[in-house]
PDB file of N, CA and C in Angstrom:
ATOM      1  N   MET A   1      11.414  -6.269   0.328  1.00  0.00           N
ATOM      2  CA  MET A   1      10.331  -5.324   0.113  1.00  0.00           C
ATOM      3  C   MET A   1       9.018  -5.940   0.596  1.00  0.00           C
ATOM      4  N   ALA A   2       8.274  -5.198   1.392  1.00  0.00           N
ATOM      5  CA  ALA A   2       7.006  -5.683   1.928  1.00  0.00           C
ATOM      6  C   ALA A   2       5.947  -5.720   0.827  1.00  0.00           C
ATOM      7  N   LYS A   3       5.052  -6.688   0.977  1.00  0.00           N
ATOM      8  CA  LYS A   3       3.962  -6.804   0.005  1.00  0.00           C
ATOM      9  C   LYS A   3       3.033  -5.603   0.151  1.00  0.00           C
ATOM     10  N   ASN A   4       2.636  -5.052  -0.966  1.00  0.00           N
ATOM     11  CA  ASN A   4       1.744  -3.900  -0.972  1.00  0.00           C
ATOM     12  C   ASN A   4       0.315  -4.364  -0.686  1.00  0.00           C
ATOM     13  N   GLU A   5      -0.242  -3.912   0.419  1.00  0.00           N
ATOM     14  CA  GLU A   5      -1.608  -4.272   0.810  1.00  0.00           C
ATOM     15  C   GLU A   5      -2.573  -3.332   0.095  1.00  0.00           C
ATOM     16  N   ILE A   6      -3.030  -3.723  -1.067  1.00  0.00           N
ATOM     17  CA  ILE A   6      -3.878  -2.872  -1.892  1.00  0.00           C
ATOM     18  C   ILE A   6      -5.341  -2.971  -1.471  1.00  0.00           C
ATOM     19  N   ASN A   7      -5.821  -4.200  -1.292  1.00  0.00           N
ATOM     20  CA  ASN A   7      -7.242  -4.343  -0.962  1.00  0.00           C
ATOM     21  C   ASN A   7      -7.438  -4.777   0.489  1.00  0.00           C
ATOM     22  N   ARG A   8      -8.670  -4.606   0.965  1.00  0.00           N
ATOM     23  CA  ARG A   8      -9.067  -4.939   2.325  1.00  0.00           C
ATOM     24  C   ARG A   8     -10.133  -6.041   2.340  1.00  0.00           C
ATOM     25  N   ILE A   9     -10.149  -6.864   1.311  1.00  0.00           N
ATOM     26  CA  ILE A   9     -11.194  -7.882   1.208  1.00  0.00           C
ATOM     27  C   ILE A   9     -11.179  -8.799   2.429  1.00  0.00           C
ATOM     28  N   ARG A  10     -10.016  -9.260   2.831  1.00  0.00           N
ATOM     29  CA  ARG A  10      -9.906 -10.164   3.986  1.00  0.00           C
ATOM     30  C   ARG A  10     -10.479  -9.498   5.242  1.00  0.00           C
ATOM     31  N   VAL A  11     -10.141  -8.229   5.449  1.00  0.00           N
ATOM     32  CA  VAL A  11     -10.601  -7.494   6.630  1.00  0.00           C
ATOM     33  C   VAL A  11     -12.124  -7.381   6.637  1.00  0.00           C
ATOM     34  N   VAL A  12     -12.691  -7.015   5.500  1.00  0.00           N
ATOM     35  CA  VAL A  12     -14.149  -6.838   5.420  1.00  0.00           C
ATOM     36  C   VAL A  12     -14.860  -8.182   5.606  1.00  0.00           C
ATOM     37  N   LEU A  13     -14.323  -9.246   5.025  1.00  0.00           N
ATOM     38  CA  LEU A  13     -14.915 -10.569   5.226  1.00  0.00           C
ATOM     39  C   LEU A  13     -14.919 -10.921   6.715  1.00  0.00           C
ATOM     40  N   ALA A  14     -13.799 -10.674   7.393  1.00  0.00           N
ATOM     41  CA  ALA A  14     -13.693 -10.988   8.825  1.00  0.00           C
ATOM     42  C   ALA A  14     -14.670 -10.144   9.639  1.00  0.00           C
ATOM     43  N   GLU A  15     -14.767  -8.868   9.316  1.00  0.00           N
ATOM     44  CA  GLU A  15     -15.687  -7.983  10.030  1.00  0.00           C
ATOM     45  C   GLU A  15     -17.134  -8.454   9.912  1.00  0.00           C
ATOM     46  N   LYS A  16     -17.472  -9.009   8.767  1.00  0.00           N
ATOM     47  CA  LYS A  16     -18.849  -9.449   8.516  1.00  0.00           C
ATOM     48  C   LYS A  16     -19.065 -10.921   8.866  1.00  0.00           C
ATOM     49  N   GLY A  17     -17.988 -11.610   9.256  1.00  0.00           N
ATOM     50  CA  GLY A  17     -18.113 -13.023   9.601  1.00  0.00           C
ATOM     51  C   GLY A  17     -18.428 -13.901   8.406  1.00  0.00           C
ATOM     52  N   ILE A  18     -17.904 -13.522   7.254  1.00  0.00           N
ATOM     53  CA  ILE A  18     -18.167 -14.243   6.001  1.00  0.00           C
ATOM     54  C   ILE A  18     -16.893 -14.965   5.569  1.00  0.00           C
ATOM     55  N   THR A  19     -17.054 -16.158   5.031  1.00  0.00           N
ATOM     56  CA  THR A  19     -15.897 -16.952   4.613  1.00  0.00           C
ATOM     57  C   THR A  19     -15.535 -16.707   3.147  1.00  0.00           C
ATOM     58  N   ASN A  20     -14.297 -17.043   2.829  1.00  0.00           N
ATOM     59  CA  ASN A  20     -13.841 -16.996   1.440  1.00  0.00           C
ATOM     60  C   ASN A  20     -14.707 -17.909   0.573  1.00  0.00           C
ATOM     61  N   LYS A  21     -15.061 -19.070   1.127  1.00  0.00           N
ATOM     62  CA  LYS A  21     -15.861 -20.044   0.375  1.00  0.00           C
ATOM     63  C   LYS A  21     -17.217 -19.447  -0.011  1.00  0.00           C
ATOM     64  N   TRP A  22     -17.862 -18.740   0.927  1.00  0.00           N
ATOM     65  CA  TRP A  22     -19.149 -18.105   0.644  1.00  0.00           C
ATOM     66  C   TRP A  22     -19.007 -17.114  -0.505  1.00  0.00           C
ATOM     67  N   LEU A  23     -17.963 -16.272  -0.434  1.00  0.00           N
ATOM     68  CA  LEU A  23     -17.751 -15.276  -1.482  1.00  0.00           C
ATOM     69  C   LEU A  23     -17.472 -15.955  -2.823  1.00  0.00           C
ATOM     70  N   ALA A  24     -16.682 -17.016  -2.801  1.00  0.00           N
ATOM     71  CA  ALA A  24     -16.389 -17.755  -4.036  1.00  0.00           C
ATOM     72  C   ALA A  24     -17.674 -18.289  -4.664  1.00  0.00           C
ATOM     73  N   GLU A  25     -18.558 -18.825  -3.845  1.00  0.00           N
ATOM     74  CA  GLU A  25     -19.830 -19.353  -4.352  1.00  0.00           C
ATOM     75  C   GLU A  25     -20.693 -18.242  -4.940  1.00  0.00           C
ATOM     76  N   LYS A  26     -20.777 -17.110  -4.251  1.00  0.00           N
ATOM     77  CA  LYS A  26     -21.610 -15.998  -4.722  1.00  0.00           C
ATOM     78  C   LYS A  26     -21.089 -15.403  -6.028  1.00  0.00           C
ATOM     79  N   LEU A  27     -19.757 -15.379  -6.185  1.00  0.00           N
ATOM     80  CA  LEU A  27     -19.164 -14.786  -7.387  1.00  0.00           C
ATOM     81  C   LEU A  27     -18.899 -15.820  -8.485  1.00  0.00           C
ATOM     82  N   LYS A  28     -19.154 -17.096  -8.156  1.00  0.00           N
ATOM     83  CA  LYS A  28     -18.865 -18.196  -9.089  1.00  0.00           C
ATOM     84  C   LYS A  28     -17.386 -18.178  -9.503  1.00  0.00           C
ATOM     85  N   LYS A  29     -16.540 -18.065  -8.474  1.00  0.00           N
ATOM     86  CA  LYS A  29     -15.085 -18.049  -8.664  1.00  0.00           C
ATOM     87  C   LYS A  29     -14.478 -19.202  -7.890  1.00  0.00           C
ATOM     88  N   ASN A  30     -13.282 -19.587  -8.283  1.00  0.00           N
ATOM     89  CA  ASN A  30     -12.538 -20.614  -7.583  1.00  0.00           C
ATOM     90  C   ASN A  30     -12.131 -20.083  -6.211  1.00  0.00           C
ATOM     91  N   PRO A  31     -12.277 -20.872  -5.143  1.00  0.00           N
ATOM     92  CA  PRO A  31     -11.855 -20.416  -3.812  1.00  0.00           C
ATOM     93  C   PRO A  31     -10.382 -20.004  -3.747  1.00  0.00           C
ATOM     94  N   THR A  32      -9.552 -20.607  -4.569  1.00  0.00           N
ATOM     95  CA  THR A  32      -8.139 -20.225  -4.607  1.00  0.00           C
ATOM     96  C   THR A  32      -7.981 -18.794  -5.092  1.00  0.00           C
ATOM     97  N   THR A  33      -8.791 -18.392  -6.035  1.00  0.00           N
ATOM     98  CA  THR A  33      -8.755 -17.011  -6.533  1.00  0.00           C
ATOM     99  C   THR A  33      -9.111 -16.043  -5.412  1.00  0.00           C
ATOM    100  N   ILE A  34     -10.155 -16.355  -4.658  1.00  0.00           N
ATOM    101  CA  ILE A  34     -10.559 -15.504  -3.537  1.00  0.00           C
ATOM    102  C   ILE A  34      -9.431 -15.419  -2.519  1.00  0.00           C
ATOM    103  N   SER A  35      -8.813 -16.539  -2.236  1.00  0.00           N
ATOM    104  CA  SER A  35      -7.698 -16.570  -1.291  1.00  0.00           C
ATOM    105  C   SER A  35      -6.546 -15.684  -1.758  1.00  0.00           C
ATOM    106  N   ARG A  36      -6.260 -15.713  -3.031  1.00  0.00           N
ATOM    107  CA  ARG A  36      -5.171 -14.889  -3.578  1.00  0.00           C
ATOM    108  C   ARG A  36      -5.509 -13.408  -3.514  1.00  0.00           C
ATOM    109  N   TRP A  37      -6.790 -13.068  -3.687  1.00  0.00           N
ATOM    110  CA  TRP A  37      -7.210 -11.675  -3.519  1.00  0.00           C
ATOM    111  C   TRP A  37      -7.058 -11.263  -2.063  1.00  0.00           C
ATOM    112  N   CYS A  38      -7.497 -12.136  -1.142  1.00  0.00           N
ATOM    113  CA  CYS A  38      -7.449 -11.815   0.290  1.00  0.00           C
ATOM    114  C   CYS A  38      -6.029 -11.649   0.802  1.00  0.00           C
ATOM    115  N   SER A  39      -5.096 -12.352   0.209  1.00  0.00           N
ATOM    116  CA  SER A  39      -3.695 -12.232   0.629  1.00  0.00           C
ATOM    117  C   SER A  39      -2.961 -11.150  -0.160  1.00  0.00           C
ATOM    118  N   ASN A  40      -3.660 -10.466  -1.035  1.00  0.00           N
ATOM    119  CA  ASN A  40      -3.088  -9.427  -1.901  1.00  0.00           C
ATOM    120  C   ASN A  40      -2.003  -9.962  -2.829  1.00  0.00           C
ATOM    121  N   GLU A  41      -2.057 -11.263  -3.077  1.00  0.00           N
ATOM    122  CA  GLU A  41      -1.131 -11.879  -4.029  1.00  0.00           C
ATOM    123  C   GLU A  41      -1.486 -11.453  -5.453  1.00  0.00           C
ATOM    124  N   MET A  42      -2.776 -11.266  -5.686  1.00  0.00           N
ATOM    125  CA  MET A  42      -3.268 -10.718  -6.944  1.00  0.00           C
ATOM    126  C   MET A  42      -4.504  -9.885  -6.629  1.00  0.00           C
ATOM    127  N   GLN A  43      -4.947  -9.082  -7.601  1.00  0.00           N
ATOM    128  CA  GLN A  43      -6.052  -8.164  -7.372  1.00  0.00           C
ATOM    129  C   GLN A  43      -7.210  -8.456  -8.330  1.00  0.00           C
ATOM    130  N   PRO A  44      -8.434  -8.312  -7.829  1.00  0.00           N
ATOM    131  CA  PRO A  44      -9.585  -8.456  -8.726  1.00  0.00           C
ATOM    132  C   PRO A  44      -9.683  -7.240  -9.647  1.00  0.00           C
ATOM    133  N   SER A  45     -10.345  -7.416 -10.764  1.00  0.00           N
ATOM    134  CA  SER A  45     -10.584  -6.285 -11.655  1.00  0.00           C
ATOM    135  C   SER A  45     -11.517  -5.304 -10.951  1.00  0.00           C
ATOM    136  N   LEU A  46     -11.584  -4.081 -11.459  1.00  0.00           N
ATOM    137  CA  LEU A  46     -12.494  -3.093 -10.869  1.00  0.00           C
ATOM    138  C   LEU A  46     -13.937  -3.560 -10.961  1.00  0.00           C
ATOM    139  N   GLU A  47     -14.283  -4.156 -12.069  1.00  0.00           N
ATOM    140  CA  GLU A  47     -15.644  -4.680 -12.243  1.00  0.00           C
ATOM    141  C   GLU A  47     -15.957  -5.732 -11.169  1.00  0.00           C
ATOM    142  N   THR A  48     -15.006  -6.618 -10.915  1.00  0.00           N
ATOM    143  CA  THR A  48     -15.194  -7.650  -9.900  1.00  0.00           C
ATOM    144  C   THR A  48     -15.230  -7.041  -8.509  1.00  0.00           C
ATOM    145  N   LEU A  49     -14.410  -6.024  -8.275  1.00  0.00           N
ATOM    146  CA  LEU A  49     -14.404  -5.344  -6.981  1.00  0.00           C
ATOM    147  C   LEU A  49     -15.780  -4.744  -6.681  1.00  0.00           C
ATOM    148  N   VAL A  50     -16.428  -4.193  -7.695  1.00  0.00           N
ATOM    149  CA  VAL A  50     -17.781  -3.659  -7.527  1.00  0.00           C
ATOM    150  C   VAL A  50     -18.746  -4.791  -7.175  1.00  0.00           C
ATOM    151  N   LYS A  51     -18.612  -5.938  -7.826  1.00  0.00           N
ATOM    152  CA  LYS A  51     -19.472  -7.087  -7.526  1.00  0.00           C
ATOM    153  C   LYS A  51     -19.250  -7.579  -6.102  1.00  0.00           C
ATOM    154  N   ILE A  52     -17.999  -7.595  -5.668  1.00  0.00           N
ATOM    155  CA  ILE A  52     -17.682  -8.003  -4.297  1.00  0.00           C
ATOM    156  C   ILE A  52     -18.362  -7.052  -3.315  1.00  0.00           C
ATOM    157  N   ALA A  53     -18.248  -5.756  -3.574  1.00  0.00           N
ATOM    158  CA  ALA A  53     -18.864  -4.755  -2.702  1.00  0.00           C
ATOM    159  C   ALA A  53     -20.373  -4.966  -2.622  1.00  0.00           C
ATOM    160  N   GLU A  54     -20.992  -5.270  -3.741  1.00  0.00           N
ATOM    161  CA  GLU A  54     -22.440  -5.516  -3.757  1.00  0.00           C
ATOM    162  C   GLU A  54     -22.795  -6.737  -2.912  1.00  0.00           C
ATOM    163  N   LYS A  55     -22.042  -7.815  -3.074  1.00  0.00           N
ATOM    164  CA  LYS A  55     -22.317  -9.040  -2.316  1.00  0.00           C
ATOM    165  C   LYS A  55     -22.121  -8.828  -0.823  1.00  0.00           C
ATOM    166  N   LEU A  56     -21.144  -7.987  -0.460  1.00  0.00           N
ATOM    167  CA  LEU A  56     -20.843  -7.750   0.954  1.00  0.00           C
ATOM    168  C   LEU A  56     -21.615  -6.566   1.528  1.00  0.00           C
ATOM    169  N   ALA A  57     -22.398  -5.899   0.693  1.00  0.00           N
ATOM    170  CA  ALA A  57     -23.200  -4.737   1.105  1.00  0.00           C
ATOM    171  C   ALA A  57     -22.330  -3.648   1.735  1.00  0.00           C
ATOM    172  N   VAL A  58     -21.229  -3.320   1.048  1.00  0.00           N
ATOM    173  CA  VAL A  58     -20.337  -2.242   1.479  1.00  0.00           C
ATOM    174  C   VAL A  58     -20.054  -1.341   0.284  1.00  0.00           C
ATOM    175  N   ASP A  59     -19.551  -0.156   0.571  1.00  0.00           N
ATOM    176  CA  ASP A  59     -19.099   0.742  -0.489  1.00  0.00           C
ATOM    177  C   ASP A  59     -17.800   0.175  -1.058  1.00  0.00           C
ATOM    178  N   VAL A  60     -17.623   0.270  -2.341  1.00  0.00           N
ATOM    179  CA  VAL A  60     -16.416  -0.271  -2.969  1.00  0.00           C
ATOM    180  C   VAL A  60     -15.151   0.350  -2.353  1.00  0.00           C
ATOM    181  N   LYS A  61     -15.248   1.587  -1.882  1.00  0.00           N
ATOM    182  CA  LYS A  61     -14.097   2.244  -1.251  1.00  0.00           C
ATOM    183  C   LYS A  61     -13.662   1.521   0.024  1.00  0.00           C
ATOM    184  N   ASP A  62     -14.592   0.813   0.664  1.00  0.00           N
ATOM    185  CA  ASP A  62     -14.258   0.071   1.884  1.00  0.00           C
ATOM    186  C   ASP A  62     -13.363  -1.132   1.601  1.00  0.00           C
ATOM    187  N   LEU A  63     -13.279  -1.519   0.340  1.00  0.00           N
ATOM    188  CA  LEU A  63     -12.479  -2.686  -0.043  1.00  0.00           C
ATOM    189  C   LEU A  63     -11.059  -2.325  -0.467  1.00  0.00           C
ATOM    190  N   ILE A  64     -10.753  -1.041  -0.488  1.00  0.00           N
ATOM    191  CA  ILE A  64      -9.446  -0.588  -0.969  1.00  0.00           C
ATOM    192  C   ILE A  64      -8.758   0.209   0.134  1.00  0.00           C
ATOM    193  N   ASN A  65      -7.482  -0.074   0.368  1.00  0.00           N
ATOM    194  CA  ASN A  65      -6.708   0.704   1.331  1.00  0.00           C
ATOM    195  C   ASN A  65      -6.439   2.100   0.783  1.00  0.00           C
ATOM    196  N   SER A  66      -6.543   3.082   1.646  1.00  0.00           N
ATOM    197  CA  SER A  66      -6.286   4.465   1.274  1.00  0.00           C
ATOM    198  C   SER A  66      -4.801   4.676   0.977  1.00  0.00           C
ATOM    199  N   THR A  67      -4.526   5.510   0.005  1.00  0.00           N
ATOM    200  CA  THR A  67      -3.126   5.847  -0.292  1.00  0.00           C
ATOM    201  C   THR A  67      -2.749   7.194   0.280  1.00  0.00           C
ATOM    202  N   THR A  68      -3.712   7.945   0.776  1.00  0.00           N
ATOM    203  CA  THR A  68      -3.420   9.303   1.272  1.00  0.00           C
ATOM    204  C   THR A  68      -2.894   9.310   2.700  1.00  0.00           C
ATOM    205  N   ASN A  69      -3.134   8.256   3.477  1.00  0.00           N
ATOM    206  CA  ASN A  69      -2.693   8.227   4.867  1.00  0.00           C
ATOM    207  C   ASN A  69      -1.361   7.501   5.060  1.00  0.00           C
ATOM    208  N   LYS A  70      -0.709   7.095   3.992  1.00  0.00           N
ATOM    209  CA  LYS A  70       0.548   6.367   4.095  1.00  0.00           C
ATOM    210  C   LYS A  70       1.726   7.312   4.135  1.00  0.00           C
ATOM    211  N   ARG A  71       2.759   6.886   4.818  1.00  0.00           N
ATOM    212  CA  ARG A  71       3.971   7.716   4.906  1.00  0.00           C
ATOM    213  C   ARG A  71       5.137   7.014   4.314  1.00  0.00           C
TER     214      ARG A  71
END
């Protein structure tokens, strides 16, 4: 079974040229936690997702993969 790609944090970081380390510092989180979010191994809470969106200056919806376009 393929891993469910729930969030797009890695994609948005790459688009903005921002590193996991930078995000970890801004959120005061362990870099390993950020890495696990980026690989979709685990998911941030909704509250944290909003904080990530604020730090990256994107809409929180940009951090989540759509479920309506999947087949």
